[in-house]
């Protein structure tokens, strides 16, 4: 492994620690503002989506596989299925779309 890998892991660990530690240090008493509490609640989901969604389209065998995986994942998530179910079904959808795309084109 290259040295860059360890630098990336160290930076990610530092950022993760700061994001979790700073609110506790900066806000000693309970946050009363509903807007700020809501904003802080949705930050992890927004960051996860921003990191994951672009990779969906580049990981498969083409754009069709990424779109199929995204659509299946969003639909199952809207029906409040578990994370493992969503992940497995999205992978199967991406594989099926790649298989069909390879056979047709």
PDB file of N, CA and C in Angstrom:
ATOM      1  N   UNK A   1       0.838  -1.182   0.000  1.00  0.00           N
ATOM      2  CA  UNK A   1       0.000   0.000   0.000  1.00  0.00           C
ATOM      3  C   UNK A   1       0.882   1.244   0.000  1.00  0.00           C
ATOM      4  N   UNK A   2       0.356   2.261  -0.601  1.00  0.00           N
ATOM      5  CA  UNK A   2       1.142   3.489  -0.669  1.00  0.00           C
ATOM      6  C   UNK A   2       0.963   4.304   0.607  1.00  0.00           C
ATOM      7  N   UNK A   3       1.860   5.245   0.775  1.00  0.00           N
ATOM      8  CA  UNK A   3       1.781   6.125   1.942  1.00  0.00           C
ATOM      9  C   UNK A   3       0.561   7.030   1.872  1.00  0.00           C
ATOM     10  N   UNK A   4       0.082   7.309   0.652  1.00  0.00           N
ATOM     11  CA  UNK A   4      -1.096   8.159   0.522  1.00  0.00           C
ATOM     12  C   UNK A   4      -2.312   7.534   1.186  1.00  0.00           C
ATOM     13  N   UNK A   5      -2.405   6.206   1.145  1.00  0.00           N
ATOM     14  CA  UNK A   5      -3.521   5.520   1.767  1.00  0.00           C
ATOM     15  C   UNK A   5      -3.601   5.858   3.252  1.00  0.00           C
ATOM     16  N   UNK A   6      -2.477   5.796   3.944  1.00  0.00           N
ATOM     17  CA  UNK A   6      -2.461   6.072   5.380  1.00  0.00           C
ATOM     18  C   UNK A   6      -2.750   7.546   5.661  1.00  0.00           C
ATOM     19  N   UNK A   7      -2.325   8.419   4.773  1.00  0.00           N
ATOM     20  CA  UNK A   7      -2.629   9.845   4.936  1.00  0.00           C
ATOM     21  C   UNK A   7      -4.129  10.063   4.788  1.00  0.00           C
ATOM     22  N   UNK A   8      -4.752   9.423   3.791  1.00  0.00           N
ATOM     23  CA  UNK A   8      -6.195   9.554   3.590  1.00  0.00           C
ATOM     24  C   UNK A   8      -6.966   9.033   4.795  1.00  0.00           C
ATOM     25  N   UNK A   9      -6.561   7.892   5.322  1.00  0.00           N
ATOM     26  CA  UNK A   9      -7.239   7.318   6.481  1.00  0.00           C
ATOM     27  C   UNK A   9      -7.087   8.240   7.693  1.00  0.00           C
ATOM     28  N   UNK A  10      -5.910   8.805   7.883  1.00  0.00           N
ATOM     29  CA  UNK A  10      -5.695   9.719   9.007  1.00  0.00           C
ATOM     30  C   UNK A  10      -6.553  10.979   8.869  1.00  0.00           C
ATOM     31  N   UNK A  11      -6.657  11.508   7.659  1.00  0.00           N
ATOM     32  CA  UNK A  11      -7.481  12.699   7.436  1.00  0.00           C
ATOM     33  C   UNK A  11      -8.952  12.377   7.682  1.00  0.00           C
ATOM     34  N   UNK A  12      -9.410  11.217   7.188  1.00  0.00           N
ATOM     35  CA  UNK A  12     -10.806  10.828   7.419  1.00  0.00           C
ATOM     36  C   UNK A  12     -11.086  10.644   8.908  1.00  0.00           C
ATOM     37  N   UNK A  13     -10.159  10.051   9.631  1.00  0.00           N
ATOM     38  CA  UNK A  13     -10.340   9.856  11.068  1.00  0.00           C
ATOM     39  C   UNK A  13     -10.399  11.203  11.785  1.00  0.00           C
ATOM     40  N   UNK A  14      -9.531  12.124  11.385  1.00  0.00           N
ATOM     41  CA  UNK A  14      -9.544  13.460  11.991  1.00  0.00           C
ATOM     42  C   UNK A  14     -10.825  14.212  11.725  1.00  0.00           C
ATOM     43  N   UNK A  15     -11.293  14.164  10.490  1.00  0.00           N
ATOM     44  CA  UNK A  15     -12.537  14.853  10.147  1.00  0.00           C
ATOM     45  C   UNK A  15     -13.713  14.238  10.889  1.00  0.00           C
ATOM     46  N   UNK A  16     -13.765  12.912  10.949  1.00  0.00           N
ATOM     47  CA  UNK A  16     -14.846  12.243  11.666  1.00  0.00           C
ATOM     48  C   UNK A  16     -14.831  12.621  13.133  1.00  0.00           C
ATOM     49  N   UNK A  17     -13.662  12.656  13.727  1.00  0.00           N
ATOM     50  CA  UNK A  17     -13.548  13.017  15.143  1.00  0.00           C
ATOM     51  C   UNK A  17     -13.986  14.460  15.360  1.00  0.00           C
ATOM     52  N   UNK A  18     -13.542  15.370  14.493  1.00  0.00           N
ATOM     53  CA  UNK A  18     -13.911  16.777  14.654  1.00  0.00           C
ATOM     54  C   UNK A  18     -15.416  16.998  14.513  1.00  0.00           C
ATOM     55  N   UNK A  19     -16.023  16.331  13.565  1.00  0.00           N
ATOM     56  CA  UNK A  19     -17.462  16.499  13.367  1.00  0.00           C
ATOM     57  C   UNK A  19     -18.238  16.023  14.593  1.00  0.00           C
ATOM     58  N   UNK A  20     -17.771  15.009  15.242  1.00  0.00           N
ATOM     59  CA  UNK A  20     -18.461  14.502  16.431  1.00  0.00           C
ATOM     60  C   UNK A  20     -18.098  15.276  17.687  1.00  0.00           C
ATOM     61  N   UNK A  21     -16.886  15.805  17.752  1.00  0.00           N
ATOM     62  CA  UNK A  21     -16.420  16.456  18.960  1.00  0.00           C
ATOM     63  C   UNK A  21     -16.807  17.932  19.029  1.00  0.00           C
ATOM     64  N   UNK A  22     -16.761  18.644  17.907  1.00  0.00           N
ATOM     65  CA  UNK A  22     -17.004  20.088  17.932  1.00  0.00           C
ATOM     66  C   UNK A  22     -18.371  20.496  18.476  1.00  0.00           C
ATOM     67  N   UNK A  23     -19.465  19.847  18.100  1.00  0.00           N
ATOM     68  CA  UNK A  23     -20.740  20.262  18.693  1.00  0.00           C
ATOM     69  C   UNK A  23     -20.772  20.135  20.213  1.00  0.00           C
ATOM     70  N   UNK A  24     -20.123  19.110  20.756  1.00  0.00           N
ATOM     71  CA  UNK A  24     -20.109  18.953  22.205  1.00  0.00           C
ATOM     72  C   UNK A  24     -19.282  20.042  22.874  1.00  0.00           C
ATOM     73  N   UNK A  25     -18.229  20.475  22.221  1.00  0.00           N
ATOM     74  CA  UNK A  25     -17.363  21.501  22.800  1.00  0.00           C
ATOM     75  C   UNK A  25     -17.978  22.888  22.637  1.00  0.00           C
ATOM     76  N   UNK A  26     -18.545  23.159  21.479  1.00  0.00           N
ATOM     77  CA  UNK A  26     -19.073  24.494  21.193  1.00  0.00           C
ATOM     78  C   UNK A  26     -20.423  24.755  21.844  1.00  0.00           C
ATOM     79  N   UNK A  27     -21.249  23.744  21.982  1.00  0.00           N
ATOM     80  CA  UNK A  27     -22.589  23.923  22.532  1.00  0.00           C
ATOM     81  C   UNK A  27     -22.687  23.189  23.859  1.00  0.00           C
ATOM     82  N   UNK A  28     -22.485  23.927  24.941  1.00  0.00           N
ATOM     83  CA  UNK A  28     -22.485  23.315  26.275  1.00  0.00           C
ATOM     84  C   UNK A  28     -23.902  22.948  26.732  1.00  0.00           C
ATOM     85  N   UNK A  29     -24.879  23.793  26.409  1.00  0.00           N
ATOM     86  CA  UNK A  29     -26.240  23.471  26.828  1.00  0.00           C
ATOM     87  C   UNK A  29     -27.044  22.976  25.631  1.00  0.00           C
ATOM     88  N   UNK A  30     -28.225  22.478  25.908  1.00  0.00           N
ATOM     89  CA  UNK A  30     -29.049  21.900  24.856  1.00  0.00           C
ATOM     90  C   UNK A  30     -29.425  22.960  23.819  1.00  0.00           C
ATOM     91  N   UNK A  31     -29.365  22.573  22.547  1.00  0.00           N
ATOM     92  CA  UNK A  31     -29.706  23.481  21.457  1.00  0.00           C
ATOM     93  C   UNK A  31     -31.227  23.597  21.402  1.00  0.00           C
ATOM     94  N   UNK A  32     -31.730  24.823  21.493  1.00  0.00           N
ATOM     95  CA  UNK A  32     -33.167  25.061  21.514  1.00  0.00           C
ATOM     96  C   UNK A  32     -33.753  25.248  20.118  1.00  0.00           C
ATOM     97  N   UNK A  33     -32.955  25.717  19.186  1.00  0.00           N
ATOM     98  CA  UNK A  33     -33.444  26.020  17.845  1.00  0.00           C
ATOM     99  C   UNK A  33     -33.790  24.729  17.094  1.00  0.00           C
ATOM    100  N   UNK A  34     -35.035  24.646  16.613  1.00  0.00           N
ATOM    101  CA  UNK A  34     -35.448  23.462  15.851  1.00  0.00           C
ATOM    102  C   UNK A  34     -34.685  23.388  14.535  1.00  0.00           C
ATOM    103  N   UNK A  35     -34.399  24.555  13.937  1.00  0.00           N
ATOM    104  CA  UNK A  35     -33.676  24.570  12.664  1.00  0.00           C
ATOM    105  C   UNK A  35     -32.278  23.997  12.833  1.00  0.00           C
ATOM    106  N   UNK A  36     -31.555  24.436  13.849  1.00  0.00           N
ATOM    107  CA  UNK A  36     -30.183  23.959  14.065  1.00  0.00           C
ATOM    108  C   UNK A  36     -30.187  22.465  14.412  1.00  0.00           C
ATOM    109  N   UNK A  37     -31.129  22.032  15.248  1.00  0.00           N
ATOM    110  CA  UNK A  37     -31.200  20.608  15.590  1.00  0.00           C
ATOM    111  C   UNK A  37     -31.504  19.773  14.353  1.00  0.00           C
ATOM    112  N   UNK A  38     -32.423  20.247  13.527  1.00  0.00           N
ATOM    113  CA  UNK A  38     -32.756  19.527  12.304  1.00  0.00           C
ATOM    114  C   UNK A  38     -31.562  19.501  11.355  1.00  0.00           C
ATOM    115  N   UNK A  39     -30.880  20.631  11.238  1.00  0.00           N
ATOM    116  CA  UNK A  39     -29.694  20.726  10.381  1.00  0.00           C
ATOM    117  C   UNK A  39     -28.629  19.742  10.837  1.00  0.00           C
ATOM    118  N   UNK A  40     -28.354  19.682  12.117  1.00  0.00           N
ATOM    119  CA  UNK A  40     -27.336  18.780  12.653  1.00  0.00           C
ATOM    120  C   UNK A  40     -27.759  17.310  12.500  1.00  0.00           C
ATOM    121  N   UNK A  41     -29.048  17.044  12.549  1.00  0.00           N
ATOM    122  CA  UNK A  41     -29.536  15.675  12.420  1.00  0.00           C
ATOM    123  C   UNK A  41     -29.314  15.138  11.012  1.00  0.00           C
ATOM    124  N   UNK A  42     -29.505  15.988  10.003  1.00  0.00           N
ATOM    125  CA  UNK A  42     -29.437  15.514   8.614  1.00  0.00           C
ATOM    126  C   UNK A  42     -28.045  15.614   7.983  1.00  0.00           C
ATOM    127  N   UNK A  43     -27.077  16.175   8.645  1.00  0.00           N
ATOM    128  CA  UNK A  43     -25.725  16.289   8.074  1.00  0.00           C
ATOM    129  C   UNK A  43     -25.136  14.924   7.715  1.00  0.00           C
ATOM    130  N   UNK A  44     -25.181  13.910   8.586  1.00  0.00           N
ATOM    131  CA  UNK A  44     -24.590  12.619   8.193  1.00  0.00           C
ATOM    132  C   UNK A  44     -25.235  12.015   6.946  1.00  0.00           C
ATOM    133  N   UNK A  45     -26.548  12.153   6.810  1.00  0.00           N
ATOM    134  CA  UNK A  45     -27.226  11.606   5.639  1.00  0.00           C
ATOM    135  C   UNK A  45     -26.831  12.354   4.372  1.00  0.00           C
ATOM    136  N   UNK A  46     -26.710  13.654   4.471  1.00  0.00           N
ATOM    137  CA  UNK A  46     -26.332  14.451   3.303  1.00  0.00           C
ATOM    138  C   UNK A  46     -24.903  14.135   2.863  1.00  0.00           C
ATOM    139  N   UNK A  47     -24.007  13.986   3.823  1.00  0.00           N
ATOM    140  CA  UNK A  47     -22.618  13.666   3.491  1.00  0.00           C
ATOM    141  C   UNK A  47     -22.520  12.267   2.885  1.00  0.00           C
ATOM    142  N   UNK A  48     -23.240  11.324   3.454  1.00  0.00           N
ATOM    143  CA  UNK A  48     -23.228   9.967   2.909  1.00  0.00           C
ATOM    144  C   UNK A  48     -23.762   9.945   1.483  1.00  0.00           C
ATOM    145  N   UNK A  49     -24.831  10.665   1.237  1.00  0.00           N
ATOM    146  CA  UNK A  49     -25.392  10.729  -0.121  1.00  0.00           C
ATOM    147  C   UNK A  49     -24.417  11.402  -1.082  1.00  0.00           C
ATOM    148  N   UNK A  50     -23.779  12.468  -0.640  1.00  0.00           N
ATOM    149  CA  UNK A  50     -22.827  13.177  -1.503  1.00  0.00           C
ATOM    150  C   UNK A  50     -21.614  12.311  -1.837  1.00  0.00           C
ATOM    151  N   UNK A  51     -21.228  11.420  -0.946  1.00  0.00           N
ATOM    152  CA  UNK A  51     -20.086  10.552  -1.200  1.00  0.00           C
ATOM    153  C   UNK A  51     -20.475   9.324  -2.016  1.00  0.00           C
ATOM    154  N   UNK A  52     -21.694   8.843  -1.860  1.00  0.00           N
ATOM    155  CA  UNK A  52     -22.100   7.582  -2.460  1.00  0.00           C
ATOM    156  C   UNK A  52     -22.676   7.728  -3.857  1.00  0.00           C
ATOM    157  N   UNK A  53     -23.558   8.678  -4.060  1.00  0.00           N
ATOM    158  CA  UNK A  53     -24.295   8.781  -5.324  1.00  0.00           C
ATOM    159  C   UNK A  53     -23.370   8.928  -6.534  1.00  0.00           C
ATOM    160  N   UNK A  54     -22.346   9.768  -6.524  1.00  0.00           N
ATOM    161  CA  UNK A  54     -21.486   9.827  -7.717  1.00  0.00           C
ATOM    162  C   UNK A  54     -20.786   8.498  -8.017  1.00  0.00           C
ATOM    163  N   UNK A  55     -20.412   7.763  -6.987  1.00  0.00           N
ATOM    164  CA  UNK A  55     -19.724   6.485  -7.195  1.00  0.00           C
ATOM    165  C   UNK A  55     -20.648   5.420  -7.769  1.00  0.00           C
ATOM    166  N   UNK A  56     -21.935   5.551  -7.542  1.00  0.00           N
ATOM    167  CA  UNK A  56     -22.879   4.569  -8.077  1.00  0.00           C
ATOM    168  C   UNK A  56     -22.791   4.522  -9.596  1.00  0.00           C
ATOM    169  N   UNK A  57     -22.654   5.675 -10.212  1.00  0.00           N
ATOM    170  CA  UNK A  57     -22.683   5.736 -11.669  1.00  0.00           C
ATOM    171  C   UNK A  57     -21.371   5.297 -12.321  1.00  0.00           C
ATOM    172  N   UNK A  58     -20.277   5.277 -11.579  1.00  0.00           N
ATOM    173  CA  UNK A  58     -18.987   4.891 -12.142  1.00  0.00           C
ATOM    174  C   UNK A  58     -18.557   3.478 -11.764  1.00  0.00           C
ATOM    175  N   UNK A  59     -19.238   2.843 -10.821  1.00  0.00           N
ATOM    176  CA  UNK A  59     -18.802   1.547 -10.330  1.00  0.00           C
ATOM    177  C   UNK A  59     -19.251   0.392 -11.215  1.00  0.00           C
ATOM    178  N   UNK A  60     -20.340   0.547 -11.897  1.00  0.00           N
ATOM    179  CA  UNK A  60     -20.895  -0.553 -12.673  1.00  0.00           C
ATOM    180  C   UNK A  60     -20.267  -0.684 -14.042  1.00  0.00           C
ATOM    181  N   UNK A  61     -20.932  -1.466 -14.852  1.00  0.00           N
ATOM    182  CA  UNK A  61     -20.469  -1.753 -16.203  1.00  0.00           C
ATOM    183  C   UNK A  61     -20.965  -0.706 -17.192  1.00  0.00           C
ATOM    184  N   UNK A  62     -21.572   0.323 -16.704  1.00  0.00           N
ATOM    185  CA  UNK A  62     -22.105   1.368 -17.554  1.00  0.00           C
ATOM    186  C   UNK A  62     -23.124   2.188 -16.787  1.00  0.00           C
ATOM    187  N   UNK A  63     -23.653   3.173 -17.453  1.00  0.00           N
ATOM    188  CA  UNK A  63     -24.605   4.072 -16.813  1.00  0.00           C
ATOM    189  C   UNK A  63     -25.910   3.355 -16.469  1.00  0.00           C
ATOM    190  N   UNK A  64     -26.334   2.404 -17.298  1.00  0.00           N
ATOM    191  CA  UNK A  64     -27.587   1.683 -17.044  1.00  0.00           C
ATOM    192  C   UNK A  64     -27.540   0.925 -15.718  1.00  0.00           C
ATOM    193  N   UNK A  65     -26.420   0.313 -15.414  1.00  0.00           N
ATOM    194  CA  UNK A  65     -26.284  -0.423 -14.156  1.00  0.00           C
ATOM    195  C   UNK A  65     -26.379   0.516 -12.960  1.00  0.00           C
ATOM    196  N   UNK A  66     -25.756   1.670 -13.061  1.00  0.00           N
ATOM    197  CA  UNK A  66     -25.823   2.646 -11.975  1.00  0.00           C
ATOM    198  C   UNK A  66     -27.221   3.181 -11.764  1.00  0.00           C
ATOM    199  N   UNK A  67     -27.913   3.475 -12.860  1.00  0.00           N
ATOM    200  CA  UNK A  67     -29.279   3.983 -12.749  1.00  0.00           C
ATOM    201  C   UNK A  67     -30.202   2.915 -12.169  1.00  0.00           C
ATOM    202  N   UNK A  68     -30.057   1.669 -12.620  1.00  0.00           N
ATOM    203  CA  UNK A  68     -30.886   0.577 -12.088  1.00  0.00           C
ATOM    204  C   UNK A  68     -30.661   0.394 -10.593  1.00  0.00           C
ATOM    205  N   UNK A  69     -29.416   0.415 -10.174  1.00  0.00           N
ATOM    206  CA  UNK A  69     -29.104   0.251  -8.752  1.00  0.00           C
ATOM    207  C   UNK A  69     -29.669   1.406  -7.931  1.00  0.00           C
ATOM    208  N   UNK A  70     -29.540   2.618  -8.438  1.00  0.00           N
ATOM    209  CA  UNK A  70     -30.044   3.785  -7.721  1.00  0.00           C
ATOM    210  C   UNK A  70     -31.564   3.736  -7.601  1.00  0.00           C
ATOM    211  N   UNK A  71     -32.247   3.424  -8.680  1.00  0.00           N
ATOM    212  CA  UNK A  71     -33.708   3.388  -8.659  1.00  0.00           C
ATOM    213  C   UNK A  71     -34.215   2.317  -7.683  1.00  0.00           C
ATOM    214  N   UNK A  72     -33.636   1.130  -7.761  1.00  0.00           N
ATOM    215  CA  UNK A  72     -34.051   0.057  -6.850  1.00  0.00           C
ATOM    216  C   UNK A  72     -33.750   0.436  -5.397  1.00  0.00           C
ATOM    217  N   UNK A  73     -32.590   1.004  -5.162  1.00  0.00           N
ATOM    218  CA  UNK A  73     -32.230   1.406  -3.803  1.00  0.00           C
ATOM    219  C   UNK A  73     -33.155   2.473  -3.236  1.00  0.00           C
ATOM    220  N   UNK A  74     -33.491   3.465  -4.042  1.00  0.00           N
ATOM    221  CA  UNK A  74     -34.379   4.537  -3.574  1.00  0.00           C
ATOM    222  C   UNK A  74     -35.777   3.994  -3.303  1.00  0.00           C
ATOM    223  N   UNK A  75     -36.286   3.159  -4.199  1.00  0.00           N
ATOM    224  CA  UNK A  75     -37.632   2.604  -4.002  1.00  0.00           C
ATOM    225  C   UNK A  75     -37.692   1.758  -2.732  1.00  0.00           C
ATOM    226  N   UNK A  76     -36.716   0.883  -2.537  1.00  0.00           N
ATOM    227  CA  UNK A  76     -36.722   0.051  -1.329  1.00  0.00           C
ATOM    228  C   UNK A  76     -36.532   0.885  -0.069  1.00  0.00           C
ATOM    229  N   UNK A  77     -35.719   1.928  -0.149  1.00  0.00           N
ATOM    230  CA  UNK A  77     -35.534   2.797   1.015  1.00  0.00           C
ATOM    231  C   UNK A  77     -36.821   3.548   1.348  1.00  0.00           C
ATOM    232  N   UNK A  78     -37.563   3.948   0.321  1.00  0.00           N
ATOM    233  CA  UNK A  78     -38.845   4.632   0.559  1.00  0.00           C
ATOM    234  C   UNK A  78     -39.851   3.705   1.237  1.00  0.00           C
ATOM    235  N   UNK A  79     -39.754   2.408   0.950  1.00  0.00           N
ATOM    236  CA  UNK A  79     -40.616   1.436   1.619  1.00  0.00           C
ATOM    237  C   UNK A  79     -40.024   0.966   2.941  1.00  0.00           C
ATOM    238  N   UNK A  80     -38.987   1.656   3.405  1.00  0.00           N
ATOM    239  CA  UNK A  80     -38.348   1.437   4.711  1.00  0.00           C
ATOM    240  C   UNK A  80     -37.835   0.016   4.906  1.00  0.00           C
ATOM    241  N   UNK A  81     -37.198  -0.511   3.874  1.00  0.00           N
ATOM    242  CA  UNK A  81     -36.546  -1.810   3.995  1.00  0.00           C
ATOM    243  C   UNK A  81     -35.202  -1.627   4.692  1.00  0.00           C
ATOM    244  N   UNK A  82     -34.649  -2.699   5.176  1.00  0.00           N
ATOM    245  CA  UNK A  82     -33.385  -2.633   5.889  1.00  0.00           C
ATOM    246  C   UNK A  82     -32.204  -2.365   4.965  1.00  0.00           C
ATOM    247  N   UNK A  83     -31.103  -1.944   5.549  1.00  0.00           N
ATOM    248  CA  UNK A  83     -29.912  -1.583   4.787  1.00  0.00           C
ATOM    249  C   UNK A  83     -29.374  -2.769   3.994  1.00  0.00           C
ATOM    250  N   UNK A  84     -29.341  -3.935   4.597  1.00  0.00           N
ATOM    251  CA  UNK A  84     -28.830  -5.119   3.906  1.00  0.00           C
ATOM    252  C   UNK A  84     -29.717  -5.483   2.714  1.00  0.00           C
ATOM    253  N   UNK A  85     -31.018  -5.402   2.886  1.00  0.00           N
ATOM    254  CA  UNK A  85     -31.948  -5.695   1.796  1.00  0.00           C
ATOM    255  C   UNK A  85     -31.757  -4.717   0.644  1.00  0.00           C
ATOM    256  N   UNK A  86     -31.647  -3.440   0.968  1.00  0.00           N
ATOM    257  CA  UNK A  86     -31.460  -2.415  -0.065  1.00  0.00           C
ATOM    258  C   UNK A  86     -30.143  -2.644  -0.799  1.00  0.00           C
ATOM    259  N   UNK A  87     -29.071  -2.929  -0.064  1.00  0.00           N
ATOM    260  CA  UNK A  87     -27.763  -3.125  -0.683  1.00  0.00           C
ATOM    261  C   UNK A  87     -27.751  -4.346  -1.596  1.00  0.00           C
ATOM    262  N   UNK A  88     -28.305  -5.459  -1.125  1.00  0.00           N
ATOM    263  CA  UNK A  88     -28.303  -6.684  -1.938  1.00  0.00           C
ATOM    264  C   UNK A  88     -29.167  -6.512  -3.185  1.00  0.00           C
ATOM    265  N   UNK A  89     -30.341  -5.949  -3.023  1.00  0.00           N
ATOM    266  CA  UNK A  89     -31.230  -5.763  -4.182  1.00  0.00           C
ATOM    267  C   UNK A  89     -30.646  -4.771  -5.184  1.00  0.00           C
ATOM    268  N   UNK A  90     -29.971  -3.754  -4.707  1.00  0.00           N
ATOM    269  CA  UNK A  90     -29.322  -2.802  -5.614  1.00  0.00           C
ATOM    270  C   UNK A  90     -28.188  -3.467  -6.387  1.00  0.00           C
ATOM    271  N   UNK A  91     -27.433  -4.307  -5.711  1.00  0.00           N
ATOM    272  CA  UNK A  91     -26.361  -5.042  -6.395  1.00  0.00           C
ATOM    273  C   UNK A  91     -26.921  -5.988  -7.446  1.00  0.00           C
ATOM    274  N   UNK A  92     -28.004  -6.677  -7.107  1.00  0.00           N
ATOM    275  CA  UNK A  92     -28.638  -7.588  -8.073  1.00  0.00           C
ATOM    276  C   UNK A  92     -29.170  -6.804  -9.267  1.00  0.00           C
ATOM    277  N   UNK A  93     -29.782  -5.653  -9.013  1.00  0.00           N
ATOM    278  CA  UNK A  93     -30.298  -4.820 -10.106  1.00  0.00           C
ATOM    279  C   UNK A  93     -29.161  -4.330 -11.000  1.00  0.00           C
ATOM    280  N   UNK A  94     -28.041  -3.926 -10.414  1.00  0.00           N
ATOM    281  CA  UNK A  94     -26.900  -3.481 -11.212  1.00  0.00           C
ATOM    282  C   UNK A  94     -26.340  -4.635 -12.046  1.00  0.00           C
ATOM    283  N   UNK A  95     -26.243  -5.802 -11.439  1.00  0.00           N
ATOM    284  CA  UNK A  95     -25.753  -6.965 -12.180  1.00  0.00           C
ATOM    285  C   UNK A  95     -26.691  -7.315 -13.325  1.00  0.00           C
ATOM    286  N   UNK A  96     -27.994  -7.312 -13.060  1.00  0.00           N
ATOM    287  CA  UNK A  96     -28.969  -7.646 -14.098  1.00  0.00           C
ATOM    288  C   UNK A  96     -28.930  -6.631 -15.233  1.00  0.00           C
ATOM    289  N   UNK A  97     -28.822  -5.359 -14.895  1.00  0.00           N
ATOM    290  CA  UNK A  97     -28.752  -4.329 -15.931  1.00  0.00           C
ATOM    291  C   UNK A  97     -27.482  -4.475 -16.754  1.00  0.00           C
ATOM    292  N   UNK A  98     -26.370  -4.797 -16.109  1.00  0.00           N
ATOM    293  CA  UNK A  98     -25.125  -5.015 -16.847  1.00  0.00           C
ATOM    294  C   UNK A  98     -25.228  -6.238 -17.756  1.00  0.00           C
ATOM    295  N   UNK A  99     -25.853  -7.291 -17.245  1.00  0.00           N
ATOM    296  CA  UNK A  99     -26.024  -8.508 -18.018  1.00  0.00           C
ATOM    297  C   UNK A  99     -26.877  -8.243 -19.262  1.00  0.00           C
ATOM    298  N   UNK A 100     -27.991  -7.551 -19.071  1.00  0.00           N
ATOM    299  CA  UNK A 100     -28.877  -7.233 -20.199  1.00  0.00           C
ATOM    300  C   UNK A 100     -28.164  -6.313 -21.182  1.00  0.00           C
ATOM    301  N   UNK A 101     -27.443  -5.336 -20.670  1.00  0.00           N
ATOM    302  CA  UNK A 101     -26.737  -4.394 -21.534  1.00  0.00           C
ATOM    303  C   UNK A 101     -25.665  -5.115 -22.360  1.00  0.00           C
ATOM    304  N   UNK A 102     -24.956  -6.045 -21.757  1.00  0.00           N
ATOM    305  CA  UNK A 102     -23.923  -6.790 -22.473  1.00  0.00           C
ATOM    306  C   UNK A 102     -24.525  -7.692 -23.547  1.00  0.00           C
ATOM    307  N   UNK A 103     -25.684  -8.268 -23.260  1.00  0.00           N
ATOM    308  CA  UNK A 103     -26.327  -9.171 -24.213  1.00  0.00           C
ATOM    309  C   UNK A 103     -26.969  -8.430 -25.387  1.00  0.00           C
ATOM    310  N   UNK A 104     -27.496  -7.229 -25.125  1.00  0.00           N
ATOM    311  CA  UNK A 104     -28.212  -6.498 -26.163  1.00  0.00           C
ATOM    312  C   UNK A 104     -27.286  -5.629 -27.035  1.00  0.00           C
ATOM    313  N   UNK A 105     -26.254  -5.111 -26.423  1.00  0.00           N
ATOM    314  CA  UNK A 105     -25.412  -4.156 -27.158  1.00  0.00           C
ATOM    315  C   UNK A 105     -24.070  -4.750 -27.389  1.00  0.00           C
TER     316      UNK A 105
END
